Every structure is written in structure tokens, then in C-alpha cells.
Amino acid sequence: MRVLVLVLFSCLASLALADEKAMQRFNQLSADPVLRQQAYEAGHERIRFCGNCHGENGNSKRPHIPNLAEQNPVYLFNAFEKFASGERKDFVMSKLAPVLTLEDRVNVAIYFGQQKLQGHEGPVNEALRQQGEAQFKSTCTACHGTDATGRDTTPRLAGQPAEYLRQALTRFRDKDPSRAGSVMMTIAADFSDAQIDALATYLQQLQP
């Protein structure tokens, strides 16, 4: 119960992460289809470098890189902000995010959020999938939702590459400094390699 309360508190507190001006912009775009389409087109113009790794349509070209298609736009914006400020560190993103303006980051988030996730194709270890499903439902739904599509400030996990998920969860468990400050440090602290593998298997094939 204590961990669940911590998770819920962290989810609510994260609502303050988005820049106020950006949130005003998101609300404006949500209410105006014409402006939203303009933002989408502007975002498309700015994703040239993003597409090298994440794909122009937001579907990752490499198994260790996340899909951005159908990702929650406010979450994506907050991720850009963290890379730009140095709160999160990545060899590529730490250099790319600071050169994008606030409007660029909003537009890119809108663009990728409207792309269609292609999802995983291939055989699935059913026993491992079932283990991952049970663990997800008992541990992860408070922030990521029962269908793993996340919320405005928590990421969509459904359909992410299993290798990316394994690496991310392992970093949280092992308290990688690049993930410092995340509530996931607490959630993943006791995950075994087998549990991480099961979660990654389940979430990769999940297409709600």
C-alpha cells in the first residue's frame, strides 16, 4: 500500500512538470483542429533528425530505441524538457533537445502522438506473456493505466520494443544515475531479470 500511495502521489506531482506556456499551447491546440493541423505539419518539418532513430512515422528503427508513435504528447514534451535541462541524459537526445524551441517541442510531440503505432510482429512466449501480464496488473496500472497507454504525464508502454523496455527497467532497478529522481527507481528496485523479461514480453505485444 505504501508503494502504491507513493506511485499515485508521484503521478499527480508530475502534472506540474510541463511548462505553463506549453500547457496553454496544448490546450489551445486541443480546442482548435486548424491550429492542431498546423502544429502537426510544423512538427513534421522538425523531425528530420528524430527520424534517423525513431523513424519518420515514430516507429523505432532499432530495438533498443523507443517508439514515439501514439505516445502521449504532454509526456513527450516533458521528456524533451528533461533532456534539454540535463535532468535526463542521453548521448543523442541531450544534444538535440536544447536546440529545439518550446514551440518546436510541442509541435514534435503533437506530430508523433498522431502517428500510428505498427506494433510487434512475430512469435510470443505465451507463458512469459502471462507472467508479465499478471505482474503489470499488480504493479504498473496506477500510473500507466490498465491498457498500458499511460496518461498525459506517464508514457505509453504498450507496443514498445522489448529490448528497449528491458534496458529501461534494468536501469531503473540498478539505479542508473541517468534515471535519477524517477519514481521507477522505487518500483523496479526488487525486479528480477526474469520479471523484467516477462514485463517486456507482455508490453511489446500489447496493442490496445
Protein backbone atom coordinates (compact mmCIF):
# COMPACT_ATOMS: atom_id res chain seq x y z
CA MET A 1 0.00 0.00 0.00
CA ARG A 2 2.82 2.42 0.85
CA VAL A 3 4.40 1.92 -2.60
CA LEU A 4 1.03 2.40 -4.30
CA VAL A 5 0.46 5.69 -2.44
CA LEU A 6 3.94 6.83 -3.45
CA VAL A 7 3.23 5.99 -7.08
CA LEU A 8 -0.09 7.84 -7.08
CA PHE A 9 1.48 10.88 -5.41
CA SER A 10 4.30 10.94 -7.94
CA CYS A 11 1.85 10.71 -10.84
CA LEU A 12 -0.09 13.69 -9.50
CA ALA A 13 3.04 15.69 -8.74
CA SER A 14 4.32 15.15 -12.26
CA LEU A 15 1.43 17.25 -13.56
CA ALA A 16 3.49 20.28 -12.58
CA LEU A 17 6.41 19.27 -14.79
CA ALA A 18 5.06 20.68 -18.04
CA ASP A 19 5.92 24.29 -18.72
CA GLU A 20 2.87 26.52 -18.14
CA LYS A 21 3.19 28.13 -21.57
CA ALA A 22 3.43 24.72 -23.19
CA MET A 23 0.32 23.51 -21.39
CA GLN A 24 -1.55 26.58 -22.57
CA ARG A 25 -0.41 25.76 -26.08
CA PHE A 26 -1.51 22.13 -25.78
CA ASN A 27 -4.93 23.26 -24.56
CA GLN A 28 -5.19 25.70 -27.44
CA LEU A 29 -4.30 23.03 -29.98
CA SER A 30 -6.72 20.57 -28.42
CA ALA A 31 -9.56 23.03 -28.91
CA ASP A 32 -8.73 24.12 -32.46
CA PRO A 33 -8.37 21.49 -35.24
CA VAL A 34 -6.91 24.03 -37.68
CA LEU A 35 -4.15 25.08 -35.29
CA ARG A 36 -3.54 21.44 -34.38
CA GLN A 37 -3.03 20.56 -38.04
CA GLN A 38 -0.62 23.48 -38.41
CA ALA A 39 1.33 22.26 -35.39
CA TYR A 40 1.37 18.74 -36.84
CA GLU A 41 2.81 20.00 -40.13
CA ALA A 42 5.37 22.16 -38.34
CA GLY A 43 6.38 19.17 -36.22
CA HIS A 44 6.85 17.08 -39.35
CA GLU A 45 9.29 19.69 -40.61
CA ARG A 46 11.37 19.44 -37.43
CA ILE A 47 11.68 15.66 -37.02
CA ARG A 48 14.34 15.07 -39.66
CA PHE A 49 16.97 14.10 -37.09
CA CYS A 50 14.46 12.31 -34.87
CA GLY A 51 13.51 10.06 -37.78
CA ASN A 52 17.02 8.67 -38.06
CA CYS A 53 16.45 6.65 -34.89
CA HIS A 54 12.74 6.79 -34.10
CA GLY A 55 11.52 6.57 -37.70
CA GLU A 56 9.69 9.34 -39.53
CA ASN A 57 6.41 7.71 -38.51
CA GLY A 58 7.53 7.27 -34.90
CA ASN A 59 8.19 3.53 -35.17
CA SER A 60 11.69 2.79 -33.97
CA LYS A 61 14.35 1.60 -36.41
CA ARG A 62 16.34 -0.12 -33.66
CA PRO A 63 15.10 -2.46 -30.92
CA HIS A 64 16.79 -0.51 -28.11
CA ILE A 65 15.16 2.79 -29.10
CA PRO A 66 11.55 3.60 -28.07
CA ASN A 67 8.63 4.06 -30.40
CA LEU A 68 7.22 7.60 -30.31
CA ALA A 69 4.12 6.83 -32.38
CA GLU A 70 0.91 7.23 -30.34
CA GLN A 71 2.95 8.38 -27.37
CA ASN A 72 1.22 10.89 -25.09
CA PRO A 73 2.21 14.38 -26.35
CA VAL A 74 2.49 16.02 -22.92
CA TYR A 75 4.72 13.16 -21.75
CA LEU A 76 6.91 13.59 -24.84
CA PHE A 77 7.17 17.32 -24.22
CA ASN A 78 8.20 16.71 -20.61
CA ALA A 79 10.82 14.21 -21.78
CA PHE A 80 12.26 16.80 -24.18
CA GLU A 81 12.37 19.30 -21.31
CA LYS A 82 14.29 16.87 -19.11
CA PHE A 83 16.86 16.19 -21.82
CA ALA A 84 17.17 19.92 -22.54
CA SER A 85 17.72 20.77 -18.86
CA GLY A 86 20.14 17.90 -18.24
CA GLU A 87 17.82 16.15 -15.78
CA ARG A 88 17.88 13.15 -18.12
CA LYS A 89 20.97 12.26 -20.09
CA ASP A 90 21.38 10.52 -23.42
CA PHE A 91 24.23 10.82 -25.91
CA VAL A 92 21.96 11.96 -28.75
CA MET A 93 18.94 13.48 -27.02
CA SER A 94 20.99 15.62 -24.66
CA LYS A 95 22.45 17.39 -27.69
CA LEU A 96 19.28 17.53 -29.78
CA ALA A 97 16.68 18.69 -27.24
CA PRO A 98 18.34 22.02 -26.30
CA VAL A 99 18.32 23.25 -29.92
CA LEU A 100 14.54 22.85 -30.18
CA THR A 101 12.42 25.80 -29.12
CA LEU A 102 9.46 25.35 -26.80
CA GLU A 103 7.15 25.57 -29.81
CA ASP A 104 9.27 23.00 -31.66
CA ARG A 105 8.99 20.58 -28.77
CA VAL A 106 5.23 20.99 -28.59
CA ASN A 107 4.86 20.54 -32.36
CA VAL A 108 7.09 17.47 -32.49
CA ALA A 109 5.14 15.92 -29.60
CA ILE A 110 1.86 16.59 -31.44
CA TYR A 111 3.25 15.09 -34.64
CA PHE A 112 4.48 11.83 -33.11
CA GLY A 113 1.40 11.49 -30.92
CA GLN A 114 -0.75 11.31 -34.06
CA GLN A 115 1.33 8.64 -35.81
CA LYS A 116 0.10 5.05 -35.92
CA LEU A 117 1.99 2.50 -33.86
CA GLN A 118 2.80 -0.52 -36.03
CA GLY A 119 3.39 -2.90 -33.15
CA HIS A 120 5.29 -6.14 -32.80
CA GLU A 121 5.05 -8.99 -35.26
CA GLY A 122 6.36 -12.43 -34.52
CA PRO A 123 6.03 -15.34 -32.11
CA VAL A 124 5.32 -14.71 -28.44
CA ASN A 125 6.29 -16.88 -25.48
CA GLU A 126 2.79 -17.30 -24.05
CA ALA A 127 3.88 -18.43 -20.60
CA LEU A 128 6.20 -15.42 -20.29
CA ARG A 129 3.48 -13.12 -21.62
CA GLN A 130 1.04 -14.32 -18.97
CA GLN A 131 3.62 -13.80 -16.22
CA GLY A 132 4.24 -10.27 -17.48
CA GLU A 133 0.53 -9.52 -17.66
CA ALA A 134 -0.01 -10.58 -14.05
CA GLN A 135 2.93 -8.52 -12.87
CA PHE A 136 1.86 -5.47 -14.85
CA LYS A 137 -1.67 -5.59 -13.43
CA SER A 138 -0.38 -5.89 -9.88
CA THR A 139 2.32 -3.23 -10.12
CA CYS A 140 2.01 -0.80 -13.01
CA THR A 141 -1.59 0.17 -13.71
CA ALA A 142 -1.81 3.04 -11.20
CA CYS A 143 0.29 5.28 -13.44
CA HIS A 144 0.35 3.55 -16.84
CA GLY A 145 -3.31 2.54 -16.97
CA THR A 146 -4.91 -0.88 -17.29
CA ASP A 147 -4.15 -0.94 -21.02
CA ALA A 148 -0.59 0.47 -20.65
CA THR A 149 -1.41 3.52 -22.78
CA GLY A 150 -0.31 5.82 -19.97
CA ARG A 151 -1.61 9.29 -19.20
CA ASP A 152 -0.61 12.85 -20.05
CA THR A 153 2.48 12.69 -17.87
CA THR A 154 3.25 8.97 -17.90
CA PRO A 155 4.40 7.11 -21.00
CA ARG A 156 2.55 4.65 -23.16
CA LEU A 157 4.29 1.29 -22.71
CA ALA A 158 2.04 -0.80 -24.92
CA GLY A 159 3.81 -1.76 -28.12
CA GLN A 160 7.28 -0.63 -27.08
CA PRO A 161 10.21 -2.80 -28.23
CA ALA A 162 11.00 -5.49 -25.67
CA GLU A 163 14.73 -4.77 -25.78
CA TYR A 164 14.14 -1.10 -25.02
CA LEU A 165 11.83 -2.00 -22.13
CA ARG A 166 14.35 -4.47 -20.70
CA GLN A 167 17.12 -1.89 -20.78
CA ALA A 168 14.94 0.84 -19.28
CA LEU A 169 13.64 -1.33 -16.44
CA THR A 170 17.13 -2.63 -15.70
CA ARG A 171 18.45 0.93 -15.46
CA PHE A 172 15.71 1.83 -13.01
CA ARG A 173 16.36 -1.28 -10.91
CA ASP A 174 20.11 -0.70 -10.89
CA LYS A 175 19.66 2.99 -10.04
CA ASP A 176 21.37 4.28 -13.15
CA PRO A 177 22.28 7.96 -12.48
CA SER A 178 20.72 8.90 -15.84
CA ARG A 179 17.34 7.99 -14.34
CA ALA A 180 17.86 9.73 -11.01
CA GLY A 181 14.73 11.18 -9.43
CA SER A 182 12.28 8.85 -11.13
CA VAL A 183 9.68 7.05 -9.01
CA MET A 184 10.53 3.99 -11.11
CA MET A 185 13.69 3.61 -9.04
CA THR A 186 11.45 2.52 -6.16
CA ILE A 187 9.02 0.47 -8.24
CA ALA A 188 11.70 -1.55 -10.04
CA ALA A 189 14.08 -1.91 -7.10
CA ASP A 190 13.20 -5.56 -6.44
CA PHE A 191 12.56 -6.70 -10.02
CA SER A 192 14.46 -9.83 -11.03
CA ASP A 193 15.82 -10.31 -14.54
CA ALA A 194 13.03 -12.85 -15.13
CA GLN A 195 10.34 -10.38 -14.06
CA ILE A 196 11.78 -7.68 -16.30
CA ASP A 197 11.85 -10.09 -19.23
CA ALA A 198 8.23 -11.08 -18.59
CA LEU A 199 7.06 -7.46 -18.43
CA ALA A 200 8.93 -6.58 -21.63
CA THR A 201 7.43 -9.58 -23.43
CA TYR A 202 3.90 -8.70 -22.35
CA LEU A 203 4.11 -4.99 -23.15
CA GLN A 204 5.76 -5.43 -26.55
CA GLN A 205 2.85 -7.42 -27.93
CA LEU A 206 0.14 -5.34 -26.24
CA GLN A 207 -1.87 -3.39 -28.81
CA PRO A 208 -4.95 -1.85 -27.15
